[in-house]
Amino acid sequence: MSSKPTPQKSQVSKILEEEYLPLRAKILELGAALDRLELADTNFSKNPKVLQLLQAIKLLIPEGLSEDTNDESSNGKNLPDGKAQARRAEKIQLHFSRIYNESWRKEYDI
């Protein structure tokens, strides 16, 4: 019996090899920015822009993911099919977008 990884697993490994450190750096940068905001004002989370950012961060977390990611008992068993979650960028873009206004050209004199 061959122990070759499935193409999907090897593709995940390749993507992680390329993306892990840059993603980790972005997460650290995000955490540091939120810390700076909180240090500047402990009521920072009442600011509408901060609330919008925090809501967008929540969109990144797959539904069904245990809050305690170190919990050995879950091992990702509760996660939905990855393809169902692969629309994070779209959801975040829509989250930050304005509601479509059919008369936008008139409104902006275009």
Protein backbone atom coordinates (compact mmCIF):
# COMPACT_ATOMS: atom_id res chain seq x y z
CA MET A 1 0.00 0.00 0.00
CA SER A 2 1.39 3.39 -1.01
CA SER A 3 1.63 6.17 1.54
CA LYS A 4 1.63 8.98 -1.04
CA PRO A 5 -0.33 12.01 0.15
CA THR A 6 -3.43 12.82 -1.82
CA PRO A 7 -3.03 15.73 -4.27
CA GLN A 8 -5.27 17.89 -2.10
CA LYS A 9 -3.12 17.31 1.00
CA SER A 10 0.08 18.04 -0.86
CA GLN A 11 -1.44 21.20 -2.34
CA VAL A 12 -2.44 22.34 1.16
CA SER A 13 1.10 21.67 2.38
CA LYS A 14 2.57 23.66 -0.51
CA ILE A 15 0.23 26.61 0.07
CA LEU A 16 0.97 26.57 3.80
CA GLU A 17 4.70 26.42 3.12
CA GLU A 18 4.39 29.60 1.04
CA GLU A 19 1.74 31.45 3.05
CA TYR A 20 2.21 30.54 6.71
CA LEU A 21 4.86 33.09 7.69
CA PRO A 22 3.32 36.02 5.76
CA LEU A 23 -0.11 35.19 7.21
CA ARG A 24 1.33 34.92 10.71
CA ALA A 25 3.00 38.32 10.26
CA LYS A 26 -0.28 39.90 9.13
CA ILE A 27 -2.11 38.47 12.12
CA LEU A 28 0.57 39.83 14.46
CA GLU A 29 0.35 43.22 12.74
CA LEU A 30 -3.42 43.21 13.15
CA GLY A 31 -3.13 42.31 16.83
CA ALA A 32 -0.58 45.08 17.39
CA ALA A 33 -2.81 47.66 15.66
CA LEU A 34 -5.78 46.65 17.81
CA ASP A 35 -3.58 46.87 20.91
CA ARG A 36 -2.51 50.41 19.93
CA LEU A 37 -6.14 51.42 19.48
CA GLU A 38 -7.11 49.99 22.84
CA LEU A 39 -4.16 51.63 24.59
CA ALA A 40 -5.13 54.96 23.04
CA ASP A 41 -8.73 54.61 24.22
CA THR A 42 -10.19 51.77 26.28
CA ASN A 43 -13.58 52.49 24.67
CA PHE A 44 -12.10 51.95 21.21
CA SER A 45 -14.52 49.10 20.46
CA LYS A 46 -17.44 51.56 20.46
CA ASN A 47 -16.02 53.32 17.40
CA PRO A 48 -18.05 52.30 14.31
CA LYS A 49 -14.91 51.73 12.22
CA VAL A 50 -13.39 49.50 14.88
CA LEU A 51 -16.66 47.58 15.17
CA GLN A 52 -16.65 47.08 11.41
CA LEU A 53 -13.06 45.76 11.57
CA LEU A 54 -13.86 43.39 14.44
CA GLN A 55 -16.93 42.07 12.61
CA ALA A 56 -14.78 41.48 9.51
CA ILE A 57 -12.26 39.53 11.61
CA LYS A 58 -15.08 37.28 12.79
CA LEU A 59 -15.88 36.52 9.14
CA LEU A 60 -12.43 34.92 8.83
CA ILE A 61 -13.14 32.24 11.43
CA PRO A 62 -14.84 29.13 10.04
CA GLU A 63 -18.18 28.27 11.58
CA GLY A 64 -17.85 25.27 13.86
CA LEU A 65 -14.23 25.97 14.79
CA SER A 66 -13.68 25.46 18.48
CA GLU A 67 -12.68 28.67 20.26
CA ASP A 68 -9.95 26.68 21.97
CA THR A 69 -7.84 25.68 18.98
CA ASN A 70 -5.45 23.83 21.28
CA ASP A 71 -8.23 21.44 22.27
CA GLU A 72 -6.88 18.04 21.20
CA SER A 73 -10.35 16.48 21.28
CA SER A 74 -11.69 18.49 18.33
CA ASN A 75 -8.81 18.04 15.83
CA GLY A 76 -10.87 19.93 13.25
CA LYS A 77 -13.58 17.25 13.23
CA ASN A 78 -16.32 19.85 13.58
CA LEU A 79 -15.20 21.93 10.62
CA PRO A 80 -17.48 22.11 7.58
CA ASP A 81 -16.30 21.27 4.08
CA GLY A 82 -13.53 23.70 3.14
CA LYS A 83 -15.20 24.68 -0.13
CA ALA A 84 -18.20 25.99 1.82
CA GLN A 85 -15.87 28.36 3.71
CA ALA A 86 -13.73 29.45 0.76
CA ARG A 87 -15.65 32.68 0.25
CA ARG A 88 -14.04 34.69 3.05
CA ALA A 89 -12.56 37.37 0.76
CA GLU A 90 -15.92 37.86 -0.93
CA LYS A 91 -17.72 38.13 2.42
CA ILE A 92 -15.20 40.66 3.72
CA GLN A 93 -15.37 42.73 0.53
CA LEU A 94 -19.15 42.84 0.81
CA HIS A 95 -18.89 43.69 4.50
CA PHE A 96 -16.88 46.83 3.69
CA SER A 97 -18.88 47.75 0.57
CA ARG A 98 -21.66 50.24 0.33
CA ILE A 99 -25.14 49.04 -0.50
CA TYR A 100 -25.65 49.36 -4.26
CA ASN A 101 -27.46 52.52 -5.20
CA GLU A 102 -28.89 52.48 -8.74
CA SER A 103 -28.73 56.26 -8.93
CA TRP A 104 -25.06 56.49 -7.94
CA ARG A 105 -24.11 58.23 -11.19
CA LYS A 106 -26.65 60.97 -10.54
CA GLU A 107 -25.62 61.22 -6.88
CA TYR A 108 -21.94 61.71 -7.83
CA ASP A 109 -22.64 63.84 -10.92
CA ILE A 110 -21.18 61.30 -13.32
